[in-house]
Amino acid sequence: MTYKIKLSAVAGAVVLALGAQGALAASENANAEFAAVYSEYPIVLAPRAGTDGVSNFANCIVEYTGGETAPCIGGIAEPRTGKIMAQIKVAQNKELLVGLSAQMEIFTGTTVTGKRGSRSTSMAAAGGAVELHACTGDDGDGGYLLCRPSLSGAVMLSRRAQELTAVLGGVLEQCNVNITETDGSFSGEFALKDCQVAEEEIGLALSTIASHHYNFLFPNLDSGTWDVVATFLATAAATGTAGCADGSGNTELTGCYDDPGASADSQAYVIISKSTMTVQEVRANKAWEPVEL
């Protein structure tokens, strides 16, 4: 079986090897028990999607104009991937312990507007994951002869989802009041559905930058030169709905169906930037037992 993994070059990556004397030196030969690769450049840019013309965003905007509740369509961005690689020479039946760290920036923004008892929901989510493979051999066609996944499989480094829902009455701007006089006393009344109402708006935006780390293990590798390939995946999604809160078409109750003004707007993106991967040849303890908590 032939495994195809195409590698994209990472500009400015620094590869280090640790020799027997413990000195760090740049190396092109996989002859050390320790290897590391570092990059300060973005490995995965944010997924690109949306209707706002801004690249690297998942974006969703929906406006309610009456009738059934309006959903947002097409707010899920295409995933983006990126890779880094370190090389090490492994003795027979040894294990590799791989530590991977990455800095991630996640942005999620949600905004809802409405009036006359309308209900709007805006949701934004973004996250970054990584999956490691140990690969060896050359199939002569730019791929590997053998690739083995780590015991952990794909690991989510960070993910955030936020949802904002609101039923909004709006801001009264003008009403026609019927005033009556009875024995010198005045009283007035008005119908809410006959008033001019402006939309209310609520927004929530979160932007975070944090570094994350995870240890991966490759057991019982055959002797030879192995490339440890880390594949990062960035995803983003933005959805929303807008409509009248009661859903019954009762215009006497809220006037929402006669004068709709609900909308939802959501945005999300993730960037995976600085990263470090260290690879060590170790002898793992295979006699472990599950711990009952």
Protein backbone atom coordinates (compact mmCIF):
# COMPACT_ATOMS: atom_id res chain seq x y z
CA MET A 1 0.00 0.00 0.00
CA THR A 2 1.33 3.45 -0.92
CA TYR A 3 0.67 6.45 1.31
CA LYS A 4 0.56 9.86 -0.33
CA ILE A 5 1.37 12.87 1.83
CA LYS A 6 2.35 16.02 0.01
CA LEU A 7 4.35 18.48 2.10
CA SER A 8 4.07 22.25 1.81
CA ALA A 9 7.26 24.12 2.63
CA VAL A 10 7.31 26.35 5.70
CA ALA A 11 9.33 29.50 5.08
CA GLY A 12 11.79 30.33 7.83
CA ALA A 13 11.53 26.96 9.59
CA VAL A 14 14.52 26.10 11.78
CA VAL A 15 15.46 22.44 12.19
CA LEU A 16 17.70 21.40 15.09
CA ALA A 17 19.32 18.13 16.13
CA LEU A 18 20.73 17.20 19.55
CA GLY A 19 23.85 15.05 19.45
CA ALA A 20 25.35 12.79 22.09
CA GLN A 21 27.30 15.69 23.65
CA GLY A 22 24.10 17.69 24.14
CA ALA A 23 25.03 20.53 21.78
CA LEU A 24 22.42 22.10 19.52
CA ALA A 25 23.35 22.38 15.86
CA ALA A 26 21.59 22.69 12.52
CA SER A 27 21.58 19.33 10.80
CA GLU A 28 20.40 17.74 7.57
CA ASN A 29 21.23 14.19 8.70
CA ALA A 30 18.76 12.11 10.66
CA ASN A 31 21.28 10.58 13.08
CA ALA A 32 20.23 12.00 16.44
CA GLU A 33 18.03 10.80 19.27
CA PHE A 34 16.38 14.19 19.40
CA ALA A 35 15.08 16.45 16.66
CA ALA A 36 13.07 19.65 16.61
CA VAL A 37 11.47 21.98 14.12
CA TYR A 38 10.27 25.52 14.76
CA SER A 39 8.42 28.09 12.67
CA GLU A 40 7.38 31.61 13.56
CA TYR A 41 5.31 32.04 10.39
CA PRO A 42 1.59 31.24 10.08
CA ILE A 43 1.11 27.55 9.27
CA VAL A 44 -2.64 27.67 8.74
CA LEU A 45 -4.44 30.86 7.83
CA ALA A 46 -8.10 31.22 8.61
CA PRO A 47 -10.62 29.41 6.40
CA ARG A 48 -11.96 31.64 3.65
CA ALA A 49 -15.70 32.03 3.13
CA GLY A 50 -18.51 34.53 3.47
CA THR A 51 -20.60 37.13 1.73
CA ASP A 52 -18.91 40.26 3.05
CA GLY A 53 -16.01 40.22 0.60
CA VAL A 54 -13.45 39.85 3.41
CA SER A 55 -11.12 36.92 2.90
CA ASN A 56 -10.25 34.43 5.65
CA PHE A 57 -13.66 34.71 7.30
CA ALA A 58 -16.63 32.47 7.83
CA ASN A 59 -19.46 34.95 7.64
CA CYS A 60 -23.24 34.69 7.79
CA ILE A 61 -25.86 37.45 7.49
CA VAL A 62 -29.62 36.91 7.46
CA GLU A 63 -32.46 39.45 7.40
CA TYR A 64 -36.09 38.59 8.15
CA THR A 65 -38.61 40.11 5.76
CA GLY A 66 -41.75 38.27 6.84
CA GLY A 67 -43.27 34.82 6.60
CA GLU A 68 -41.35 31.81 7.86
CA THR A 69 -38.24 32.15 10.03
CA ALA A 70 -35.25 32.99 7.83
CA PRO A 71 -32.09 30.85 8.14
CA CYS A 72 -28.58 31.79 7.09
CA ILE A 73 -27.21 29.72 4.21
CA GLY A 74 -23.58 29.02 3.33
CA GLY A 75 -21.88 30.10 6.53
CA ILE A 76 -19.45 27.16 6.80
CA ALA A 77 -15.95 27.82 5.53
CA GLU A 78 -13.79 25.31 3.68
CA PRO A 79 -11.17 23.81 6.06
CA ARG A 80 -7.58 24.94 5.64
CA THR A 81 -4.59 22.67 6.29
CA GLY A 82 -0.87 23.15 6.81
CA LYS A 83 2.10 20.93 7.68
CA ILE A 84 5.43 20.91 9.47
CA MET A 85 7.91 18.01 9.50
CA ALA A 86 10.84 16.75 11.58
CA GLN A 87 13.17 13.84 10.71
CA ILE A 88 14.82 11.34 13.04
CA LYS A 89 16.63 8.00 12.83
CA VAL A 90 15.06 5.24 14.94
CA ALA A 91 16.61 2.05 16.35
CA GLN A 92 14.72 -1.26 16.12
CA ASN A 93 11.47 -1.50 18.14
CA LYS A 94 11.80 1.89 19.72
CA GLU A 95 9.12 4.52 20.38
CA LEU A 96 8.92 8.15 19.42
CA LEU A 97 7.62 10.73 21.87
CA VAL A 98 6.55 13.86 20.01
CA GLY A 99 5.69 17.10 21.72
CA LEU A 100 3.84 19.69 19.66
CA SER A 101 3.06 23.28 20.61
CA ALA A 102 1.20 25.87 18.58
CA GLN A 103 -0.09 29.39 19.02
CA MET A 104 -3.69 29.91 17.95
CA GLU A 105 -5.77 33.01 17.43
CA ILE A 106 -9.55 32.54 17.43
CA PHE A 107 -12.16 35.17 16.68
CA THR A 108 -15.92 34.73 17.02
CA GLY A 109 -18.42 37.54 16.63
CA THR A 110 -22.21 37.49 16.89
CA THR A 111 -24.74 40.31 16.42
CA VAL A 112 -28.55 40.24 16.55
CA THR A 113 -31.08 42.99 15.86
CA GLY A 114 -34.84 43.04 16.23
CA LYS A 115 -38.03 44.82 17.21
CA ARG A 116 -41.68 44.12 18.04
CA GLY A 117 -40.91 40.87 19.81
CA SER A 118 -38.73 39.34 17.10
CA ARG A 119 -36.30 36.53 17.89
CA SER A 120 -32.81 36.37 16.37
CA THR A 121 -30.06 33.80 16.92
CA SER A 122 -26.45 34.16 15.80
CA MET A 123 -23.80 31.43 16.21
CA ALA A 124 -20.07 31.49 15.43
CA ALA A 125 -17.53 28.69 15.95
CA ALA A 126 -13.86 28.23 15.12
CA GLY A 127 -11.18 25.73 16.08
CA GLY A 128 -7.85 24.15 15.24
CA ALA A 129 -6.79 20.49 15.39
CA VAL A 130 -3.63 18.55 14.58
CA GLU A 131 -2.89 14.98 13.49
CA LEU A 132 0.56 13.35 13.43
CA HIS A 133 1.94 10.59 11.19
CA ALA A 134 5.34 8.87 11.22
CA CYS A 135 6.27 8.10 7.61
CA THR A 136 9.15 6.27 5.96
CA GLY A 137 10.23 5.04 2.55
CA ASP A 138 9.94 6.65 -0.87
CA ASP A 139 7.44 5.36 -3.40
CA GLY A 140 9.26 7.15 -6.23
CA ASP A 141 6.27 9.41 -6.89
CA GLY A 142 6.65 12.04 -4.19
CA GLY A 143 4.92 10.02 -1.48
CA TYR A 144 5.76 7.61 1.33
CA LEU A 145 5.68 3.81 1.31
CA LEU A 146 4.44 3.63 4.90
CA CYS A 147 2.72 6.09 7.25
CA ARG A 148 1.61 5.28 10.79
CA PRO A 149 -0.73 7.51 12.80
CA SER A 150 0.02 8.35 16.41
CA LEU A 151 -1.84 6.54 19.18
CA SER A 152 -3.82 9.69 19.94
CA GLY A 153 -5.10 10.25 16.41
CA ALA A 154 -6.40 13.74 15.66
CA VAL A 155 -6.37 16.11 18.66
CA MET A 156 -8.37 19.32 18.97
CA LEU A 157 -5.98 21.96 20.27
CA SER A 158 -8.64 24.59 20.82
CA ARG A 159 -12.19 25.32 19.76
CA ARG A 160 -14.79 27.91 20.70
CA ALA A 161 -18.46 28.20 19.86
CA GLN A 162 -20.67 31.06 20.98
CA GLU A 163 -24.37 31.60 20.45
CA LEU A 164 -26.34 34.78 21.01
CA THR A 165 -30.16 34.69 21.14
CA ALA A 166 -32.43 37.63 21.93
CA VAL A 167 -36.11 38.54 21.81
CA LEU A 168 -36.16 42.31 21.28
CA GLY A 169 -38.97 44.82 21.57
CA GLY A 170 -37.22 47.73 19.88
CA VAL A 171 -37.14 51.44 20.69
CA LEU A 172 -40.37 53.47 20.51
CA GLU A 173 -39.80 56.52 18.32
CA GLN A 174 -43.31 57.83 17.67
CA CYS A 175 -46.85 56.85 18.63
CA ASN A 176 -50.24 58.31 17.84
CA VAL A 177 -52.09 58.73 21.14
CA ASN A 178 -55.88 59.14 21.28
CA ILE A 179 -56.69 61.59 24.10
CA THR A 180 -60.15 61.85 25.58
CA GLU A 181 -61.59 64.25 28.19
CA THR A 182 -64.13 63.24 30.80
CA ASP A 183 -65.28 65.82 33.36
CA GLY A 184 -62.02 67.69 33.11
CA SER A 185 -59.85 64.58 33.31
CA PHE A 186 -57.73 63.54 30.36
CA SER A 187 -56.72 60.01 29.40
CA GLY A 188 -54.90 58.58 26.43
CA GLU A 189 -54.32 55.25 24.78
CA PHE A 190 -52.38 53.90 21.82
CA ALA A 191 -51.83 50.61 20.03
CA LEU A 192 -48.26 49.36 19.92
CA LYS A 193 -48.71 48.00 16.41
CA ASP A 194 -49.42 51.55 15.18
CA CYS A 195 -46.20 53.01 16.65
CA GLN A 196 -42.93 53.60 14.83
CA VAL A 197 -40.36 51.26 16.37
CA ALA A 198 -36.60 51.25 15.69
CA GLU A 199 -34.50 48.09 15.92
CA GLU A 200 -32.46 47.20 18.98
CA GLU A 201 -29.04 45.58 18.54
CA ILE A 202 -26.91 43.35 20.77
CA GLY A 203 -23.41 42.23 19.84
CA LEU A 204 -20.75 39.98 21.35
CA ALA A 205 -17.21 39.55 19.99
CA LEU A 206 -14.39 37.46 21.46
CA SER A 207 -10.78 37.43 20.27
CA THR A 208 -8.23 35.23 22.03
CA ILE A 209 -4.60 34.19 21.46
CA ALA A 210 -3.18 31.24 23.38
CA SER A 211 -0.50 28.55 23.09
CA HIS A 212 -1.40 24.87 23.33
CA HIS A 213 0.64 21.66 23.75
CA TYR A 214 0.06 17.92 23.37
CA ASN A 215 2.30 14.83 23.56
CA PHE A 216 1.99 12.11 20.91
CA LEU A 217 3.41 8.57 20.95
CA PHE A 218 4.43 6.23 18.11
CA PRO A 219 5.11 2.70 19.48
CA ASN A 220 7.25 -0.14 18.08
CA LEU A 221 8.74 1.56 15.05
CA ASP A 222 11.10 -0.40 12.81
CA SER A 223 14.66 0.83 12.48
CA GLY A 224 15.30 3.45 9.85
CA THR A 225 14.76 7.10 9.06
CA TRP A 226 11.28 8.43 9.87
CA ASP A 227 9.63 11.72 9.00
CA VAL A 228 7.20 12.95 11.64
CA VAL A 229 4.56 15.00 9.82
CA ALA A 230 2.16 17.25 11.73
CA THR A 231 -0.95 18.21 9.77
CA PHE A 232 -2.91 21.16 11.16
CA LEU A 233 -6.57 21.74 10.36
CA ALA A 234 -8.48 25.00 10.85
CA THR A 235 -12.27 25.17 10.62
CA ALA A 236 -14.84 27.93 11.03
CA ALA A 237 -18.62 28.11 10.86
CA ALA A 238 -21.20 30.88 11.14
CA THR A 239 -24.97 30.38 11.25
CA GLY A 240 -28.01 32.42 12.14
CA THR A 241 -31.80 32.60 12.15
CA ALA A 242 -34.27 35.49 12.40
CA GLY A 243 -38.04 35.61 12.72
CA CYS A 244 -40.97 36.48 14.98
CA ALA A 245 -40.78 35.17 18.52
CA ASP A 246 -44.28 33.72 18.91
CA GLY A 247 -44.22 32.03 15.51
CA SER A 248 -48.02 32.15 15.25
CA GLY A 249 -48.51 35.08 12.89
CA ASN A 250 -50.39 37.00 15.62
CA THR A 251 -49.91 40.59 14.46
CA GLU A 252 -52.23 41.93 17.18
CA LEU A 253 -49.78 40.61 19.81
CA THR A 254 -46.48 42.06 18.61
CA GLY A 255 -46.87 43.57 15.14
CA CYS A 256 -43.72 41.69 14.14
CA TYR A 257 -45.27 40.16 11.03
CA ASP A 258 -46.52 43.54 9.75
CA ASP A 259 -43.24 45.35 10.45
CA PRO A 260 -40.38 42.81 10.50
CA GLY A 261 -36.98 44.06 11.57
CA ALA A 262 -34.99 41.04 12.76
CA SER A 263 -31.52 40.09 11.56
CA ALA A 264 -28.51 38.02 12.62
CA ASP A 265 -24.84 38.45 11.72
CA SER A 266 -21.98 36.12 12.69
CA GLN A 267 -18.27 35.85 11.85
CA ALA A 268 -15.50 33.43 12.80
CA TYR A 269 -11.89 32.69 11.94
CA VAL A 270 -8.83 30.88 13.33
CA ILE A 271 -5.12 31.34 12.66
CA ILE A 272 -2.44 28.84 13.66
CA SER A 273 0.89 30.67 13.74
CA LYS A 274 4.04 29.95 15.77
CA SER A 275 4.70 26.25 16.32
CA THR A 276 7.34 23.92 17.71
CA MET A 277 7.63 20.14 17.36
CA THR A 278 10.16 18.07 19.32
CA VAL A 279 10.84 14.39 18.62
CA GLN A 280 12.59 11.99 21.03
CA GLU A 281 13.47 8.33 20.75
CA VAL A 282 12.28 6.64 23.95
CA ARG A 283 11.42 3.27 25.42
CA ALA A 284 7.79 3.36 26.53
CA ASN A 285 6.37 1.28 29.38
CA LYS A 286 3.90 -1.12 27.83
CA ALA A 287 2.74 -2.70 31.09
CA TRP A 288 0.36 0.06 32.06
CA GLU A 289 -3.14 -0.66 33.33
CA PRO A 290 -6.23 1.55 33.11
CA VAL A 291 -6.89 3.53 36.27
CA GLU A 292 -10.38 3.32 37.71
CA LEU A 293 -11.58 6.62 39.11
